[in-house]
């Protein structure tokens, strides 16, 4: 079966190009993806990594190359892939959010955002199956998608509160 390339095939980043044949409907960071998320009122799955990251490659192989995982991602999210070496500004913002949420950080950075780019859930590497106390990536995806569908107001309120708290920390007012 020939694999169809996604939007990342046209990107200059070698890291993004490594994901060009994933069945995930990846977008690079930019107006096309952000406008679509707002228009469709769908949450964003933001994945940040870099070429030399071991666990980034593991998660790609285990989850982003998996057709059934891609089906969930493509149905329920606007999926954006970022090379942290190209966009350290985006990495810094969302790494701070994940560290605030989980007390941990690292790559791959996996963050769920409202269409207004406010983070509401995240982590780093998620395994393909539940193990070592970590939920499977599919379980995370279905849980986040369900929360978005059934508790959207609560999700967006929490995302707004987290965003405000992070801004206060950044400016020294919190």
N, C-alpha and C. Protein backbone atom coordinates (compact mmCIF):
# COMPACT_ATOMS: atom_id res chain seq x y z
N UNK A 1 0.84 -1.18 0.00
CA UNK A 1 0.00 0.00 0.00
C UNK A 1 0.89 1.24 0.00
N UNK A 2 0.68 2.12 -0.92
CA UNK A 2 1.43 3.38 -0.97
C UNK A 2 0.89 4.31 0.08
N UNK A 3 1.81 4.96 0.78
CA UNK A 3 1.41 5.92 1.79
C UNK A 3 1.27 7.29 1.14
N UNK A 4 0.22 7.98 1.51
CA UNK A 4 -0.02 9.33 1.02
C UNK A 4 0.65 10.31 1.97
N UNK A 5 1.34 11.28 1.42
CA UNK A 5 2.00 12.25 2.29
C UNK A 5 0.98 13.27 2.79
N UNK A 6 1.28 13.83 3.95
CA UNK A 6 0.44 14.87 4.53
C UNK A 6 1.11 16.24 4.31
N UNK A 7 0.58 17.27 4.92
CA UNK A 7 1.08 18.64 4.71
C UNK A 7 2.54 18.84 5.12
N UNK A 8 3.05 17.98 5.97
CA UNK A 8 4.43 18.16 6.45
C UNK A 8 5.46 17.87 5.36
N UNK A 9 5.06 17.23 4.29
CA UNK A 9 5.99 16.92 3.19
C UNK A 9 6.56 18.19 2.57
N UNK A 10 5.83 19.29 2.68
CA UNK A 10 6.26 20.55 2.07
C UNK A 10 7.09 21.42 3.01
N UNK A 11 7.31 20.96 4.23
CA UNK A 11 8.03 21.76 5.22
C UNK A 11 9.54 21.62 5.06
N UNK A 12 10.29 22.62 5.50
CA UNK A 12 11.75 22.59 5.37
C UNK A 12 12.41 21.82 6.51
N UNK A 13 11.74 21.68 7.64
CA UNK A 13 12.31 21.00 8.80
C UNK A 13 12.44 19.49 8.54
N UNK A 14 13.65 18.95 8.71
CA UNK A 14 13.80 17.49 8.58
C UNK A 14 12.93 16.73 9.58
N UNK A 15 12.76 17.28 10.77
CA UNK A 15 11.92 16.61 11.78
C UNK A 15 10.47 16.53 11.30
N UNK A 16 9.95 17.63 10.78
CA UNK A 16 8.57 17.60 10.29
C UNK A 16 8.44 16.67 9.09
N UNK A 17 9.43 16.69 8.21
CA UNK A 17 9.39 15.81 7.04
C UNK A 17 9.39 14.33 7.44
N UNK A 18 10.00 14.01 8.59
CA UNK A 18 10.00 12.62 9.06
C UNK A 18 8.58 12.12 9.33
N UNK A 19 7.65 13.04 9.54
CA UNK A 19 6.27 12.68 9.84
C UNK A 19 5.35 12.82 8.62
N UNK A 20 5.93 13.09 7.47
CA UNK A 20 5.13 13.37 6.27
C UNK A 20 4.34 12.18 5.76
N UNK A 21 4.74 10.97 6.10
CA UNK A 21 4.00 9.79 5.64
C UNK A 21 3.12 9.17 6.72
N UNK A 22 3.05 9.82 7.88
CA UNK A 22 2.14 9.34 8.93
C UNK A 22 0.70 9.42 8.42
N UNK A 23 -0.17 8.51 8.83
CA UNK A 23 -1.58 8.62 8.46
C UNK A 23 -2.30 9.74 9.23
N UNK A 24 -1.63 10.35 10.19
CA UNK A 24 -2.20 11.50 10.91
C UNK A 24 -2.27 12.67 9.94
N UNK A 25 -3.37 13.39 9.97
CA UNK A 25 -3.57 14.55 9.11
C UNK A 25 -2.87 15.76 9.74
N UNK A 26 -1.53 15.70 9.75
CA UNK A 26 -0.74 16.75 10.39
C UNK A 26 -0.79 18.07 9.64
N UNK A 27 -0.79 19.13 10.40
CA UNK A 27 -0.59 20.49 9.90
C UNK A 27 0.68 21.02 10.52
N UNK A 28 1.42 21.86 9.82
CA UNK A 28 2.46 22.62 10.49
C UNK A 28 1.78 23.75 11.27
N UNK A 29 2.50 24.34 12.23
CA UNK A 29 1.96 25.48 12.96
C UNK A 29 1.72 26.62 11.97
N UNK A 30 0.53 27.17 11.94
CA UNK A 30 0.24 28.27 11.04
C UNK A 30 -1.24 28.53 10.92
N UNK A 31 -1.58 29.53 10.13
CA UNK A 31 -2.96 30.00 10.05
C UNK A 31 -3.92 28.94 9.50
N UNK A 32 -3.47 28.09 8.59
CA UNK A 32 -4.38 27.08 8.04
C UNK A 32 -4.95 26.20 9.15
N UNK A 33 -4.09 25.69 10.00
CA UNK A 33 -4.53 24.81 11.08
C UNK A 33 -5.32 25.58 12.13
N UNK A 34 -4.83 26.75 12.51
CA UNK A 34 -5.48 27.51 13.57
C UNK A 34 -6.86 28.00 13.14
N UNK A 35 -6.98 28.42 11.90
CA UNK A 35 -8.28 28.84 11.37
C UNK A 35 -9.26 27.66 11.31
N UNK A 36 -8.76 26.49 10.90
CA UNK A 36 -9.63 25.32 10.82
C UNK A 36 -10.13 24.91 12.21
N UNK A 37 -9.27 24.95 13.20
CA UNK A 37 -9.69 24.61 14.56
C UNK A 37 -10.80 25.55 15.04
N UNK A 38 -10.63 26.84 14.80
CA UNK A 38 -11.65 27.82 15.21
C UNK A 38 -12.95 27.62 14.42
N UNK A 39 -12.82 27.43 13.13
CA UNK A 39 -13.99 27.26 12.26
C UNK A 39 -14.78 25.99 12.63
N UNK A 40 -14.05 24.90 12.87
CA UNK A 40 -14.70 23.62 13.18
C UNK A 40 -15.00 23.43 14.66
N UNK A 41 -14.52 24.37 15.50
CA UNK A 41 -14.70 24.27 16.96
C UNK A 41 -14.17 22.94 17.49
N UNK A 42 -12.99 22.57 16.98
CA UNK A 42 -12.36 21.32 17.39
C UNK A 42 -11.11 21.63 18.20
N UNK A 43 -10.81 20.82 19.20
CA UNK A 43 -9.58 21.03 19.95
C UNK A 43 -8.37 20.69 19.08
N UNK A 44 -7.24 21.22 19.49
CA UNK A 44 -5.97 21.00 18.79
C UNK A 44 -5.15 19.99 19.58
N UNK A 45 -4.58 19.02 18.88
CA UNK A 45 -3.55 18.18 19.47
C UNK A 45 -2.23 18.71 18.93
N UNK A 46 -1.41 19.25 19.82
CA UNK A 46 -0.12 19.82 19.46
C UNK A 46 0.97 18.86 19.90
N UNK A 47 1.79 18.42 18.96
CA UNK A 47 2.91 17.53 19.24
C UNK A 47 4.20 18.27 18.90
N UNK A 48 5.06 18.43 19.91
CA UNK A 48 6.33 19.14 19.72
C UNK A 48 7.47 18.17 19.99
N UNK A 49 8.43 18.16 19.09
CA UNK A 49 9.59 17.30 19.26
C UNK A 49 10.76 17.81 18.45
N UNK A 50 11.76 16.96 18.28
CA UNK A 50 12.94 17.33 17.50
C UNK A 50 13.62 16.06 17.00
N UNK A 51 14.46 16.22 16.00
CA UNK A 51 15.05 15.08 15.28
C UNK A 51 15.84 14.11 16.15
N UNK A 52 16.59 14.62 17.12
CA UNK A 52 17.46 13.75 17.93
C UNK A 52 16.75 13.16 19.15
N UNK A 53 15.46 13.35 19.26
CA UNK A 53 14.70 12.90 20.44
C UNK A 53 14.30 11.44 20.28
N UNK A 54 14.85 10.58 21.14
CA UNK A 54 14.55 9.15 21.08
C UNK A 54 13.06 8.87 21.26
N UNK A 55 12.45 9.42 22.32
CA UNK A 55 11.06 9.12 22.62
C UNK A 55 10.11 9.71 21.59
N UNK A 56 10.53 10.78 20.91
CA UNK A 56 9.72 11.33 19.81
C UNK A 56 9.57 10.28 18.71
N UNK A 57 10.69 9.61 18.40
CA UNK A 57 10.66 8.58 17.36
C UNK A 57 9.87 7.36 17.81
N UNK A 58 9.99 7.02 19.09
CA UNK A 58 9.24 5.88 19.62
C UNK A 58 7.73 6.15 19.51
N UNK A 59 7.31 7.35 19.94
CA UNK A 59 5.88 7.66 19.88
C UNK A 59 5.39 7.73 18.44
N UNK A 60 6.23 8.23 17.55
CA UNK A 60 5.82 8.24 16.14
C UNK A 60 5.55 6.82 15.66
N UNK A 61 6.51 5.93 15.92
CA UNK A 61 6.37 4.54 15.45
C UNK A 61 5.16 3.86 16.10
N UNK A 62 5.02 4.02 17.41
CA UNK A 62 3.96 3.32 18.13
C UNK A 62 2.56 3.90 17.88
N UNK A 63 2.48 5.21 17.73
CA UNK A 63 1.15 5.84 17.69
C UNK A 63 0.86 6.59 16.39
N UNK A 64 1.78 7.43 15.94
CA UNK A 64 1.48 8.27 14.77
C UNK A 64 1.52 7.50 13.46
N UNK A 65 2.17 6.33 13.45
CA UNK A 65 2.15 5.47 12.26
C UNK A 65 0.99 4.48 12.31
N UNK A 66 0.28 4.42 13.43
CA UNK A 66 -0.80 3.46 13.63
C UNK A 66 -2.11 4.01 13.05
N UNK A 67 -2.71 3.25 12.15
CA UNK A 67 -3.94 3.69 11.46
C UNK A 67 -5.10 3.94 12.43
N UNK A 68 -5.27 3.08 13.43
CA UNK A 68 -6.42 3.25 14.34
C UNK A 68 -6.23 4.47 15.25
N UNK A 69 -5.00 4.75 15.64
CA UNK A 69 -4.73 5.96 16.43
C UNK A 69 -4.94 7.19 15.56
N UNK A 70 -4.44 7.15 14.33
CA UNK A 70 -4.60 8.27 13.40
C UNK A 70 -6.08 8.55 13.15
N UNK A 71 -6.89 7.50 13.10
CA UNK A 71 -8.33 7.69 12.87
C UNK A 71 -8.95 8.53 13.99
N UNK A 72 -8.58 8.25 15.23
CA UNK A 72 -9.09 9.02 16.37
C UNK A 72 -8.59 10.47 16.29
N UNK A 73 -7.30 10.62 16.05
CA UNK A 73 -6.72 11.96 15.95
C UNK A 73 -7.39 12.78 14.85
N UNK A 74 -7.54 12.17 13.68
CA UNK A 74 -8.10 12.89 12.53
C UNK A 74 -9.58 13.22 12.70
N UNK A 75 -10.29 12.38 13.42
CA UNK A 75 -11.73 12.59 13.62
C UNK A 75 -11.99 13.68 14.67
N UNK A 76 -11.23 13.66 15.76
CA UNK A 76 -11.58 14.47 16.92
C UNK A 76 -10.72 15.71 17.14
N UNK A 77 -9.61 15.85 16.41
CA UNK A 77 -8.67 16.93 16.67
C UNK A 77 -8.14 17.55 15.38
N UNK A 78 -7.65 18.76 15.50
CA UNK A 78 -6.79 19.35 14.47
C UNK A 78 -5.38 19.07 14.98
N UNK A 79 -4.61 18.35 14.22
CA UNK A 79 -3.29 17.88 14.67
C UNK A 79 -2.18 18.76 14.10
N UNK A 80 -1.38 19.31 14.99
CA UNK A 80 -0.29 20.20 14.60
C UNK A 80 1.03 19.63 15.12
N UNK A 81 2.00 19.57 14.26
CA UNK A 81 3.34 19.08 14.60
C UNK A 81 4.30 20.27 14.53
N UNK A 82 5.13 20.43 15.57
CA UNK A 82 6.09 21.53 15.66
C UNK A 82 7.48 20.96 15.96
N UNK A 83 8.46 21.50 15.26
CA UNK A 83 9.87 21.21 15.53
C UNK A 83 10.35 22.23 16.55
N UNK A 84 10.70 21.78 17.74
CA UNK A 84 11.08 22.71 18.82
C UNK A 84 12.34 23.49 18.48
N UNK A 85 13.16 22.96 17.59
CA UNK A 85 14.37 23.67 17.20
C UNK A 85 14.05 24.83 16.26
N UNK A 86 12.95 24.72 15.52
CA UNK A 86 12.50 25.82 14.66
C UNK A 86 11.66 26.83 15.41
N UNK A 87 10.89 26.35 16.37
CA UNK A 87 9.94 27.22 17.09
C UNK A 87 10.11 27.08 18.60
N UNK A 88 11.26 27.52 19.14
CA UNK A 88 11.44 27.44 20.60
C UNK A 88 10.44 28.30 21.36
N UNK A 89 9.90 29.33 20.72
CA UNK A 89 8.89 30.18 21.36
C UNK A 89 7.63 29.38 21.67
N UNK A 90 7.16 28.60 20.73
CA UNK A 90 5.96 27.78 20.94
C UNK A 90 6.26 26.68 21.95
N UNK A 91 7.43 26.06 21.83
CA UNK A 91 7.83 25.02 22.76
C UNK A 91 7.84 25.57 24.19
N UNK A 92 8.40 26.74 24.39
CA UNK A 92 8.50 27.33 25.73
C UNK A 92 7.11 27.56 26.34
N UNK A 93 6.21 28.12 25.58
CA UNK A 93 4.85 28.39 26.07
C UNK A 93 4.18 27.11 26.54
N UNK A 94 4.19 26.08 25.69
CA UNK A 94 3.43 24.89 26.00
C UNK A 94 4.18 23.93 26.92
N UNK A 95 5.50 24.01 26.96
CA UNK A 95 6.24 23.25 27.97
C UNK A 95 5.91 23.80 29.35
N UNK A 96 5.82 25.11 29.48
CA UNK A 96 5.45 25.72 30.77
C UNK A 96 4.07 25.24 31.21
N UNK A 97 3.15 25.14 30.28
CA UNK A 97 1.79 24.67 30.61
C UNK A 97 1.81 23.22 31.07
N UNK A 98 2.51 22.36 30.35
CA UNK A 98 2.55 20.94 30.73
C UNK A 98 3.26 20.78 32.07
N UNK A 99 4.31 21.52 32.31
CA UNK A 99 4.99 21.44 33.60
C UNK A 99 4.06 21.89 34.73
N UNK A 100 3.25 22.93 34.49
CA UNK A 100 2.30 23.38 35.50
C UNK A 100 1.22 22.31 35.75
N UNK A 101 0.80 21.64 34.70
CA UNK A 101 -0.25 20.62 34.82
C UNK A 101 0.25 19.32 35.45
N UNK A 102 1.47 18.92 35.12
CA UNK A 102 1.94 17.57 35.48
C UNK A 102 3.15 17.53 36.40
N UNK A 103 3.80 18.65 36.59
CA UNK A 103 5.05 18.72 37.35
C UNK A 103 6.20 18.01 36.64
N UNK A 104 6.01 17.71 35.36
CA UNK A 104 7.04 17.06 34.53
C UNK A 104 7.08 17.75 33.18
N UNK A 105 8.16 17.52 32.46
CA UNK A 105 8.26 18.03 31.11
C UNK A 105 9.19 17.16 30.31
N UNK A 106 9.29 17.41 29.05
CA UNK A 106 10.16 16.65 28.16
C UNK A 106 9.52 16.50 26.81
N UNK A 107 10.16 15.70 26.01
CA UNK A 107 9.70 15.50 24.64
C UNK A 107 9.57 14.02 24.36
N UNK A 108 8.61 13.68 23.54
CA UNK A 108 7.71 14.55 22.80
C UNK A 108 6.77 15.26 23.76
N UNK A 109 6.46 16.49 23.44
CA UNK A 109 5.51 17.26 24.21
C UNK A 109 4.16 17.09 23.53
N UNK A 110 3.18 16.62 24.29
CA UNK A 110 1.84 16.34 23.76
C UNK A 110 0.85 17.22 24.51
N UNK A 111 0.26 18.20 23.81
CA UNK A 111 -0.59 19.19 24.47
C UNK A 111 -1.91 19.31 23.73
N UNK A 112 -2.98 19.41 24.50
CA UNK A 112 -4.31 19.61 23.93
C UNK A 112 -4.71 21.06 24.21
N UNK A 113 -5.15 21.74 23.15
CA UNK A 113 -5.47 23.16 23.22
C UNK A 113 -6.89 23.42 22.76
N UNK A 114 -7.47 24.49 23.30
CA UNK A 114 -8.73 24.97 22.75
C UNK A 114 -8.43 25.59 21.38
N UNK A 115 -9.45 25.85 20.56
CA UNK A 115 -9.19 26.53 19.29
C UNK A 115 -8.58 27.93 19.48
N UNK A 116 -8.68 28.47 20.70
CA UNK A 116 -8.08 29.77 21.02
C UNK A 116 -6.65 29.62 21.53
N UNK A 117 -6.09 28.41 21.40
CA UNK A 117 -4.70 28.08 21.75
C UNK A 117 -4.43 28.03 23.24
N UNK A 118 -5.46 27.86 24.05
CA UNK A 118 -5.27 27.73 25.48
C UNK A 118 -5.13 26.25 25.84
N UNK A 119 -4.04 25.88 26.53
CA UNK A 119 -3.83 24.47 26.90
C UNK A 119 -4.80 24.03 27.99
N UNK A 120 -5.25 22.77 27.88
CA UNK A 120 -6.13 22.25 28.93
C UNK A 120 -5.74 20.85 29.39
N UNK A 121 -4.86 20.18 28.67
CA UNK A 121 -4.37 18.87 29.11
C UNK A 121 -3.08 18.60 28.36
N UNK A 122 -2.20 17.84 28.97
CA UNK A 122 -0.96 17.53 28.26
C UNK A 122 -0.09 16.55 29.02
N UNK A 123 0.98 16.22 28.37
CA UNK A 123 1.96 15.30 28.93
C UNK A 123 3.12 15.21 27.96
N UNK A 124 3.86 14.14 28.10
CA UNK A 124 4.98 13.95 27.19
C UNK A 124 4.69 12.70 26.36
N UNK A 125 5.47 11.67 26.54
CA UNK A 125 5.27 10.40 25.84
C UNK A 125 4.09 9.67 26.45
N UNK A 126 3.21 9.16 25.61
CA UNK A 126 2.14 8.27 26.03
C UNK A 126 2.33 6.95 25.30
N UNK A 127 2.33 5.82 26.01
CA UNK A 127 2.55 4.52 25.37
C UNK A 127 1.31 4.07 24.58
N UNK A 128 1.49 3.09 23.70
CA UNK A 128 0.34 2.60 22.93
C UNK A 128 -0.64 1.78 23.77
N UNK A 129 -0.17 1.23 24.87
CA UNK A 129 -1.01 0.45 25.79
C UNK A 129 -0.75 0.97 27.20
N UNK A 130 -1.73 0.82 28.10
CA UNK A 130 -1.51 1.21 29.50
C UNK A 130 -0.29 0.46 30.03
N UNK A 131 0.65 1.19 30.65
CA UNK A 131 1.79 0.51 31.27
C UNK A 131 2.53 1.47 32.20
N UNK A 132 3.12 0.88 33.23
CA UNK A 132 3.91 1.62 34.21
C UNK A 132 3.16 2.82 34.77
N UNK A 133 1.86 2.65 34.98
CA UNK A 133 1.05 3.72 35.55
C UNK A 133 0.67 4.82 34.57
N UNK A 134 1.05 4.67 33.31
CA UNK A 134 0.71 5.67 32.29
C UNK A 134 -0.47 5.16 31.46
N UNK A 135 -1.42 6.06 31.16
CA UNK A 135 -2.53 5.65 30.30
C UNK A 135 -2.05 5.53 28.85
N UNK A 136 -2.72 4.68 28.10
CA UNK A 136 -2.39 4.56 26.68
C UNK A 136 -2.76 5.84 25.96
N UNK A 137 -2.09 6.08 24.84
CA UNK A 137 -2.38 7.28 24.05
C UNK A 137 -3.82 7.27 23.56
N UNK A 138 -4.32 6.12 23.13
CA UNK A 138 -5.71 6.04 22.67
C UNK A 138 -6.68 6.36 23.81
N UNK A 139 -6.36 5.93 25.01
CA UNK A 139 -7.23 6.23 26.15
C UNK A 139 -7.22 7.74 26.43
N UNK A 140 -6.05 8.34 26.35
CA UNK A 140 -5.95 9.79 26.53
C UNK A 140 -6.78 10.50 25.46
N UNK A 141 -6.61 10.10 24.20
CA UNK A 141 -7.33 10.74 23.10
C UNK A 141 -8.84 10.63 23.27
N UNK A 142 -9.33 9.45 23.59
CA UNK A 142 -10.77 9.29 23.72
C UNK A 142 -11.30 10.04 24.94
N UNK A 143 -10.52 10.07 26.03
CA UNK A 143 -10.94 10.82 27.21
C UNK A 143 -11.00 12.32 26.96
N UNK A 144 -9.99 12.84 26.28
CA UNK A 144 -9.97 14.28 25.97
C UNK A 144 -11.10 14.62 25.00
N UNK A 145 -11.30 13.79 23.99
CA UNK A 145 -12.38 14.04 23.03
C UNK A 145 -13.74 14.00 23.72
N UNK A 146 -13.93 13.07 24.62
CA UNK A 146 -15.20 12.97 25.35
C UNK A 146 -15.41 14.19 26.24
N UNK A 147 -14.37 14.62 26.93
CA UNK A 147 -14.48 15.82 27.77
C UNK A 147 -14.83 17.04 26.92
N UNK A 148 -14.22 17.14 25.74
CA UNK A 148 -14.51 18.28 24.86
C UNK A 148 -15.97 18.26 24.43
N UNK A 149 -16.50 17.07 24.15
CA UNK A 149 -17.89 16.96 23.68
C UNK A 149 -18.90 17.17 24.79
N UNK A 150 -18.60 16.70 25.99
CA UNK A 150 -19.61 16.70 27.05
C UNK A 150 -19.40 17.75 28.14
N UNK A 151 -18.19 18.28 28.25
CA UNK A 151 -17.88 19.24 29.33
C UNK A 151 -17.10 20.43 28.76
N UNK A 152 -17.44 20.86 27.58
CA UNK A 152 -16.66 21.90 26.90
C UNK A 152 -16.56 23.19 27.70
N UNK A 153 -17.65 23.60 28.32
CA UNK A 153 -17.61 24.85 29.09
C UNK A 153 -16.61 24.74 30.24
N UNK A 154 -16.65 23.62 30.95
CA UNK A 154 -15.70 23.40 32.05
C UNK A 154 -14.26 23.34 31.53
N UNK A 155 -14.05 22.67 30.41
CA UNK A 155 -12.72 22.57 29.81
C UNK A 155 -12.20 23.95 29.44
N UNK A 156 -13.02 24.75 28.79
CA UNK A 156 -12.56 26.08 28.37
C UNK A 156 -12.35 27.00 29.56
N UNK A 157 -13.17 26.89 30.61
CA UNK A 157 -12.95 27.68 31.82
C UNK A 157 -11.62 27.32 32.47
N UNK A 158 -11.34 26.02 32.57
CA UNK A 158 -10.07 25.58 33.15
C UNK A 158 -8.88 26.02 32.30
N UNK A 159 -9.05 25.96 30.99
CA UNK A 159 -7.97 26.40 30.08
C UNK A 159 -7.72 27.90 30.25
N UNK A 160 -8.78 28.67 30.38
CA UNK A 160 -8.62 30.11 30.58
C UNK A 160 -7.93 30.40 31.91
N UNK A 161 -8.30 29.68 32.95
CA UNK A 161 -7.66 29.87 34.26
C UNK A 161 -6.19 29.50 34.22
N UNK A 162 -5.86 28.40 33.57
CA UNK A 162 -4.46 27.99 33.45
C UNK A 162 -3.67 29.04 32.66
N UNK A 163 -4.23 29.51 31.57
CA UNK A 163 -3.56 30.51 30.75
C UNK A 163 -3.32 31.79 31.55
N UNK A 164 -4.31 32.23 32.32
CA UNK A 164 -4.16 33.43 33.14
C UNK A 164 -3.08 33.23 34.20
N UNK A 165 -3.07 32.06 34.84
CA UNK A 165 -2.06 31.79 35.87
C UNK A 165 -0.65 31.77 35.26
N UNK A 166 -0.51 31.19 34.08
CA UNK A 166 0.81 31.16 33.43
C UNK A 166 1.27 32.57 33.05
N UNK A 167 0.33 33.41 32.59
CA UNK A 167 0.67 34.79 32.27
C UNK A 167 1.11 35.55 33.52
N UNK A 168 0.41 35.31 34.63
CA UNK A 168 0.77 35.96 35.89
C UNK A 168 2.16 35.53 36.33
N UNK A 169 2.47 34.27 36.21
CA UNK A 169 3.82 33.79 36.57
C UNK A 169 4.88 34.42 35.68
N UNK A 170 4.58 34.52 34.41
CA UNK A 170 5.53 35.09 33.45
C UNK A 170 5.81 36.57 33.73
N UNK A 171 4.76 37.30 34.11
CA UNK A 171 4.91 38.72 34.36
C UNK A 171 5.29 39.03 35.81
N UNK A 172 5.27 38.00 36.65
CA UNK A 172 5.64 38.21 38.05
C UNK A 172 4.53 38.78 38.91
N UNK A 173 3.29 38.70 38.41
CA UNK A 173 2.16 39.24 39.18
C UNK A 173 1.40 38.15 39.91
N UNK A 174 1.82 36.88 39.72
CA UNK A 174 1.06 35.79 40.33
C UNK A 174 1.68 35.20 41.53
